[in-house]
């Protein structure tokens, strides 16, 4: 019974914490964290703070294939980025797919960065199904009725002519 309660609680959750950890990033290197969305869109939120005397870092949300291009030194895209300092926050509405958050320590002073990273997904901010305006709804209804009654009228006229020819 308790397991069922946990399952229902998780199913109803609109916010899921993915990461709340401190990462050590050597100078002129980067680290990444997987963010996989399998079934529905979500708002990805991430915040980082650099602690101690560490230099600032940059944070970017990108598709997994773009991270592979980054790894190979090829041109790559970024969904959203933040930082260039001791703290930063990003918000990005994303569709299902494989994403990563990259933390880049491009410090000029040669120090490792101790970065506290928090990442969470908010499904309550995901896009909802749109509806057409009430005016357009009425137009669709009237056009549908006109087409329906046009077809019925045409069929009745053909049947009427057919019946008059057999009398």
C-alpha atoms as a PDB file:
ATOM      1  CA  UNK A   1       0.000   0.000   0.000  1.00  0.00           C
ATOM      2  CA  UNK A   2       2.855   2.384   0.803  1.00  0.00           C
ATOM      3  CA  UNK A   3       4.487   1.620  -2.551  1.00  0.00           C
ATOM      4  CA  UNK A   4       1.254   2.582  -4.332  1.00  0.00           C
ATOM      5  CA  UNK A   5       1.162   5.889  -2.428  1.00  0.00           C
ATOM      6  CA  UNK A   6       4.755   6.641  -3.504  1.00  0.00           C
ATOM      7  CA  UNK A   7       3.983   5.804  -7.121  1.00  0.00           C
ATOM      8  CA  UNK A   8       0.937   8.086  -7.108  1.00  0.00           C
ATOM      9  CA  UNK A   9       2.952  10.874  -5.478  1.00  0.00           C
ATOM     10  CA  UNK A  10       5.697  10.610  -8.091  1.00  0.00           C
ATOM     11  CA  UNK A  11       3.190  10.432 -10.920  1.00  0.00           C
ATOM     12  CA  UNK A  12       1.518  13.631  -9.721  1.00  0.00           C
ATOM     13  CA  UNK A  13       4.802  15.495  -9.220  1.00  0.00           C
ATOM     14  CA  UNK A  14       5.191  18.493 -11.474  1.00  0.00           C
ATOM     15  CA  UNK A  15       8.727  19.298 -10.333  1.00  0.00           C
ATOM     16  CA  UNK A  16      11.578  16.802 -10.258  1.00  0.00           C
ATOM     17  CA  UNK A  17      15.014  17.552  -8.796  1.00  0.00           C
ATOM     18  CA  UNK A  18      17.737  15.985 -10.933  1.00  0.00           C
ATOM     19  CA  UNK A  19      20.974  17.276  -9.419  1.00  0.00           C
ATOM     20  CA  UNK A  20      22.011  19.023  -6.199  1.00  0.00           C
ATOM     21  CA  UNK A  21      25.756  18.414  -5.954  1.00  0.00           C
ATOM     22  CA  UNK A  22      29.151  20.083  -5.863  1.00  0.00           C
ATOM     23  CA  UNK A  23      31.469  19.378  -8.797  1.00  0.00           C
ATOM     24  CA  UNK A  24      35.181  20.069  -9.014  1.00  0.00           C
ATOM     25  CA  UNK A  25      36.134  21.216 -12.492  1.00  0.00           C
ATOM     26  CA  UNK A  26      39.862  21.476 -13.315  1.00  0.00           C
ATOM     27  CA  UNK A  27      41.060  24.646 -15.088  1.00  0.00           C
ATOM     28  CA  UNK A  28      40.365  24.843 -18.823  1.00  0.00           C
ATOM     29  CA  UNK A  29      38.127  21.762 -18.706  1.00  0.00           C
ATOM     30  CA  UNK A  30      34.414  21.080 -18.647  1.00  0.00           C
ATOM     31  CA  UNK A  31      32.009  18.549 -17.181  1.00  0.00           C
ATOM     32  CA  UNK A  32      28.497  17.588 -18.208  1.00  0.00           C
ATOM     33  CA  UNK A  33      25.342  16.253 -16.568  1.00  0.00           C
ATOM     34  CA  UNK A  34      22.735  14.212 -18.476  1.00  0.00           C
ATOM     35  CA  UNK A  35      19.203  15.608 -18.759  1.00  0.00           C
ATOM     36  CA  UNK A  36      16.983  13.150 -20.630  1.00  0.00           C
ATOM     37  CA  UNK A  37      13.348  13.899 -21.384  1.00  0.00           C
ATOM     38  CA  UNK A  38      11.573  10.829 -22.698  1.00  0.00           C
ATOM     39  CA  UNK A  39       7.865  11.587 -22.920  1.00  0.00           C
ATOM     40  CA  UNK A  40       6.778  15.176 -22.437  1.00  0.00           C
ATOM     41  CA  UNK A  41       8.091  18.727 -22.695  1.00  0.00           C
ATOM     42  CA  UNK A  42       9.388  20.452 -19.578  1.00  0.00           C
ATOM     43  CA  UNK A  43      10.987  23.610 -18.305  1.00  0.00           C
ATOM     44  CA  UNK A  44      14.623  22.891 -17.450  1.00  0.00           C
ATOM     45  CA  UNK A  45      15.908  25.079 -14.641  1.00  0.00           C
ATOM     46  CA  UNK A  46      19.529  25.108 -13.523  1.00  0.00           C
ATOM     47  CA  UNK A  47      21.456  27.284 -11.074  1.00  0.00           C
ATOM     48  CA  UNK A  48      25.106  27.188 -10.135  1.00  0.00           C
ATOM     49  CA  UNK A  49      27.334  28.949  -7.619  1.00  0.00           C
ATOM     50  CA  UNK A  50      31.107  28.849  -7.494  1.00  0.00           C
ATOM     51  CA  UNK A  51      32.488  28.531  -3.965  1.00  0.00           C
ATOM     52  CA  UNK A  52      35.820  29.547  -2.443  1.00  0.00           C
ATOM     53  CA  UNK A  53      38.437  31.449  -4.427  1.00  0.00           C
ATOM     54  CA  UNK A  54      37.629  29.608  -7.648  1.00  0.00           C
ATOM     55  CA  UNK A  55      37.225  31.559 -10.847  1.00  0.00           C
ATOM     56  CA  UNK A  56      33.896  31.866 -12.618  1.00  0.00           C
ATOM     57  CA  UNK A  57      32.439  29.255 -14.932  1.00  0.00           C
ATOM     58  CA  UNK A  58      29.939  29.152 -17.763  1.00  0.00           C
ATOM     59  CA  UNK A  59      26.910  26.881 -17.986  1.00  0.00           C
ATOM     60  CA  UNK A  60      25.101  25.765 -21.140  1.00  0.00           C
ATOM     61  CA  UNK A  61      22.166  23.509 -21.933  1.00  0.00           C
ATOM     62  CA  UNK A  62      22.659  21.703 -25.229  1.00  0.00           C
ATOM     63  CA  UNK A  63      21.511  18.652 -27.118  1.00  0.00           C
ATOM     64  CA  UNK A  64      23.593  15.560 -26.579  1.00  0.00           C
ATOM     65  CA  UNK A  65      24.780  15.529 -30.207  1.00  0.00           C
ATOM     66  CA  UNK A  66      26.004  19.122 -29.799  1.00  0.00           C
ATOM     67  CA  UNK A  67      27.996  18.039 -26.751  1.00  0.00           C
ATOM     68  CA  UNK A  68      29.633  15.329 -28.861  1.00  0.00           C
ATOM     69  CA  UNK A  69      30.577  18.017 -31.397  1.00  0.00           C
ATOM     70  CA  UNK A  70      31.998  20.125 -28.561  1.00  0.00           C
ATOM     71  CA  UNK A  71      34.065  17.160 -27.406  1.00  0.00           C
ATOM     72  CA  UNK A  72      35.512  16.758 -30.921  1.00  0.00           C
ATOM     73  CA  UNK A  73      36.144  20.484 -31.354  1.00  0.00           C
ATOM     74  CA  UNK A  74      33.479  20.873 -34.038  1.00  0.00           C
ATOM     75  CA  UNK A  75      30.889  23.665 -34.291  1.00  0.00           C
ATOM     76  CA  UNK A  76      27.999  23.050 -31.920  1.00  0.00           C
ATOM     77  CA  UNK A  77      24.724  24.611 -30.889  1.00  0.00           C
ATOM     78  CA  UNK A  78      23.445  25.719 -27.498  1.00  0.00           C
ATOM     79  CA  UNK A  79      19.818  25.711 -26.367  1.00  0.00           C
ATOM     80  CA  UNK A  80      20.401  28.178 -23.514  1.00  0.00           C
ATOM     81  CA  UNK A  81      23.427  29.489 -21.638  1.00  0.00           C
ATOM     82  CA  UNK A  82      24.176  31.359 -18.437  1.00  0.00           C
ATOM     83  CA  UNK A  83      27.093  32.599 -16.486  1.00  0.00           C
ATOM     84  CA  UNK A  84      30.543  33.674 -17.216  1.00  0.00           C
ATOM     85  CA  UNK A  85      30.812  34.489 -13.535  1.00  0.00           C
ATOM     86  CA  UNK A  86      30.536  33.095 -10.039  1.00  0.00           C
ATOM     87  CA  UNK A  87      26.829  32.255 -10.378  1.00  0.00           C
ATOM     88  CA  UNK A  88      24.225  31.835 -13.055  1.00  0.00           C
ATOM     89  CA  UNK A  89      20.736  30.559 -13.769  1.00  0.00           C
ATOM     90  CA  UNK A  90      19.144  29.241 -16.923  1.00  0.00           C
ATOM     91  CA  UNK A  91      15.556  28.479 -17.888  1.00  0.00           C
ATOM     92  CA  UNK A  92      14.706  26.646 -21.085  1.00  0.00           C
ATOM     93  CA  UNK A  93      11.482  25.093 -22.310  1.00  0.00           C
ATOM     94  CA  UNK A  94      12.492  21.920 -24.144  1.00  0.00           C
ATOM     95  CA  UNK A  95      10.756  19.130 -26.039  1.00  0.00           C
ATOM     96  CA  UNK A  96      11.508  15.449 -25.385  1.00  0.00           C
ATOM     97  CA  UNK A  97      15.045  14.466 -26.289  1.00  0.00           C
ATOM     98  CA  UNK A  98      18.545  13.934 -24.932  1.00  0.00           C
ATOM     99  CA  UNK A  99      20.129  17.024 -23.391  1.00  0.00           C
ATOM    100  CA  UNK A 100      23.168  17.815 -21.251  1.00  0.00           C
ATOM    101  CA  UNK A 101      24.174  20.682 -19.008  1.00  0.00           C
ATOM    102  CA  UNK A 102      27.799  21.625 -19.532  1.00  0.00           C
ATOM    103  CA  UNK A 103      29.869  23.456 -16.912  1.00  0.00           C
ATOM    104  CA  UNK A 104      32.975  25.046 -18.421  1.00  0.00           C
ATOM    105  CA  UNK A 105      35.880  26.308 -16.294  1.00  0.00           C
ATOM    106  CA  UNK A 106      37.841  28.505 -18.663  1.00  0.00           C
ATOM    107  CA  UNK A 107      39.714  30.221 -15.847  1.00  0.00           C
ATOM    108  CA  UNK A 108      42.759  32.271 -16.699  1.00  0.00           C
ATOM    109  CA  UNK A 109      44.203  31.904 -13.179  1.00  0.00           C
ATOM    110  CA  UNK A 110      44.651  28.109 -13.449  1.00  0.00           C
ATOM    111  CA  UNK A 111      42.433  27.244 -10.475  1.00  0.00           C
ATOM    112  CA  UNK A 112      39.971  24.407 -10.252  1.00  0.00           C
ATOM    113  CA  UNK A 113      36.377  25.492  -9.724  1.00  0.00           C
ATOM    114  CA  UNK A 114      34.169  24.052  -6.982  1.00  0.00           C
ATOM    115  CA  UNK A 115      30.674  24.430  -8.409  1.00  0.00           C
ATOM    116  CA  UNK A 116      27.425  23.753  -6.562  1.00  0.00           C
ATOM    117  CA  UNK A 117      24.914  22.817  -9.265  1.00  0.00           C
ATOM    118  CA  UNK A 118      21.160  22.412  -8.895  1.00  0.00           C
ATOM    119  CA  UNK A 119      19.064  21.147 -11.830  1.00  0.00           C
ATOM    120  CA  UNK A 120      15.354  20.441 -11.834  1.00  0.00           C
ATOM    121  CA  UNK A 121      12.533  19.887 -14.308  1.00  0.00           C
ATOM    122  CA  UNK A 122       9.183  21.640 -14.031  1.00  0.00           C
ATOM    123  CA  UNK A 123       6.412  19.886 -15.956  1.00  0.00           C
ATOM    124  CA  UNK A 124       3.712  22.357 -14.884  1.00  0.00           C
ATOM    125  CA  UNK A 125       5.211  24.998 -17.193  1.00  0.00           C
ATOM    126  CA  UNK A 126       5.180  22.721 -20.231  1.00  0.00           C
ATOM    127  CA  UNK A 127       3.124  23.934 -23.179  1.00  0.00           C
ATOM    128  CA  UNK A 128      -0.495  22.901 -23.184  1.00  0.00           C
ATOM    129  CA  UNK A 129      -2.735  22.050 -26.087  1.00  0.00           C
ATOM    130  CA  UNK A 130      -3.927  25.229 -27.768  1.00  0.00           C
ATOM    131  CA  UNK A 131      -7.522  25.935 -28.719  1.00  0.00           C
ATOM    132  CA  UNK A 132      -8.809  28.050 -31.532  1.00  0.00           C
ATOM    133  CA  UNK A 133     -10.640  31.237 -30.658  1.00  0.00           C
ATOM    134  CA  UNK A 134     -14.421  31.152 -30.089  1.00  0.00           C
ATOM    135  CA  UNK A 135     -14.949  33.115 -33.325  1.00  0.00           C
ATOM    136  CA  UNK A 136     -13.091  30.514 -35.346  1.00  0.00           C
ATOM    137  CA  UNK A 137     -14.951  27.730 -33.548  1.00  0.00           C
ATOM    138  CA  UNK A 138     -18.264  29.269 -34.700  1.00  0.00           C
ATOM    139  CA  UNK A 139     -16.971  29.642 -38.258  1.00  0.00           C
ATOM    140  CA  UNK A 140     -15.967  25.958 -38.316  1.00  0.00           C
ATOM    141  CA  UNK A 141     -19.398  24.948 -36.997  1.00  0.00           C
ATOM    142  CA  UNK A 142     -21.276  27.077 -39.552  1.00  0.00           C
ATOM    143  CA  UNK A 143     -19.147  25.897 -42.473  1.00  0.00           C
ATOM    144  CA  UNK A 144     -19.623  22.280 -41.345  1.00  0.00           C
ATOM    145  CA  UNK A 145     -23.405  22.742 -41.186  1.00  0.00           C
ATOM    146  CA  UNK A 146     -23.452  24.438 -44.612  1.00  0.00           C
ATOM    147  CA  UNK A 147     -21.477  21.606 -46.204  1.00  0.00           C
ATOM    148  CA  UNK A 148     -23.640  18.983 -44.472  1.00  0.00           C
ATOM    149  CA  UNK A 149     -26.931  20.562 -45.545  1.00  0.00           C
ATOM    150  CA  UNK A 150     -25.546  21.202 -49.045  1.00  0.00           C
ATOM    151  CA  UNK A 151     -24.796  17.485 -49.436  1.00  0.00           C
ATOM    152  CA  UNK A 152     -28.188  16.493 -47.967  1.00  0.00           C
ATOM    153  CA  UNK A 153     -29.978  18.974 -50.284  1.00  0.00           C
ATOM    154  CA  UNK A 154     -28.095  17.688 -53.339  1.00  0.00           C
ATOM    155  CA  UNK A 155     -28.926  14.067 -52.434  1.00  0.00           C
ATOM    156  CA  UNK A 156     -32.597  14.929 -51.873  1.00  0.00           C
ATOM    157  CA  UNK A 157     -32.812  16.728 -55.236  1.00  0.00           C
ATOM    158  CA  UNK A 158     -31.299  13.699 -57.015  1.00  0.00           C
ATOM    159  CA  UNK A 159     -33.717  11.364 -55.231  1.00  0.00           C
ATOM    160  CA  UNK A 160     -36.694  13.654 -56.025  1.00  0.00           C
ATOM    161  CA  UNK A 161     -35.794  13.718 -59.743  1.00  0.00           C
ATOM    162  CA  UNK A 162     -35.319   9.968 -59.709  1.00  0.00           C
ATOM    163  CA  UNK A 163     -38.710   9.383 -58.092  1.00  0.00           C
ATOM    164  CA  UNK A 164     -40.500  11.786 -60.521  1.00  0.00           C
ATOM    165  CA  UNK A 165     -39.016   9.932 -63.483  1.00  0.00           C
ATOM    166  CA  UNK A 166     -40.534   6.594 -62.311  1.00  0.00           C
ATOM    167  CA  UNK A 167     -44.102   7.782 -61.899  1.00  0.00           C
END
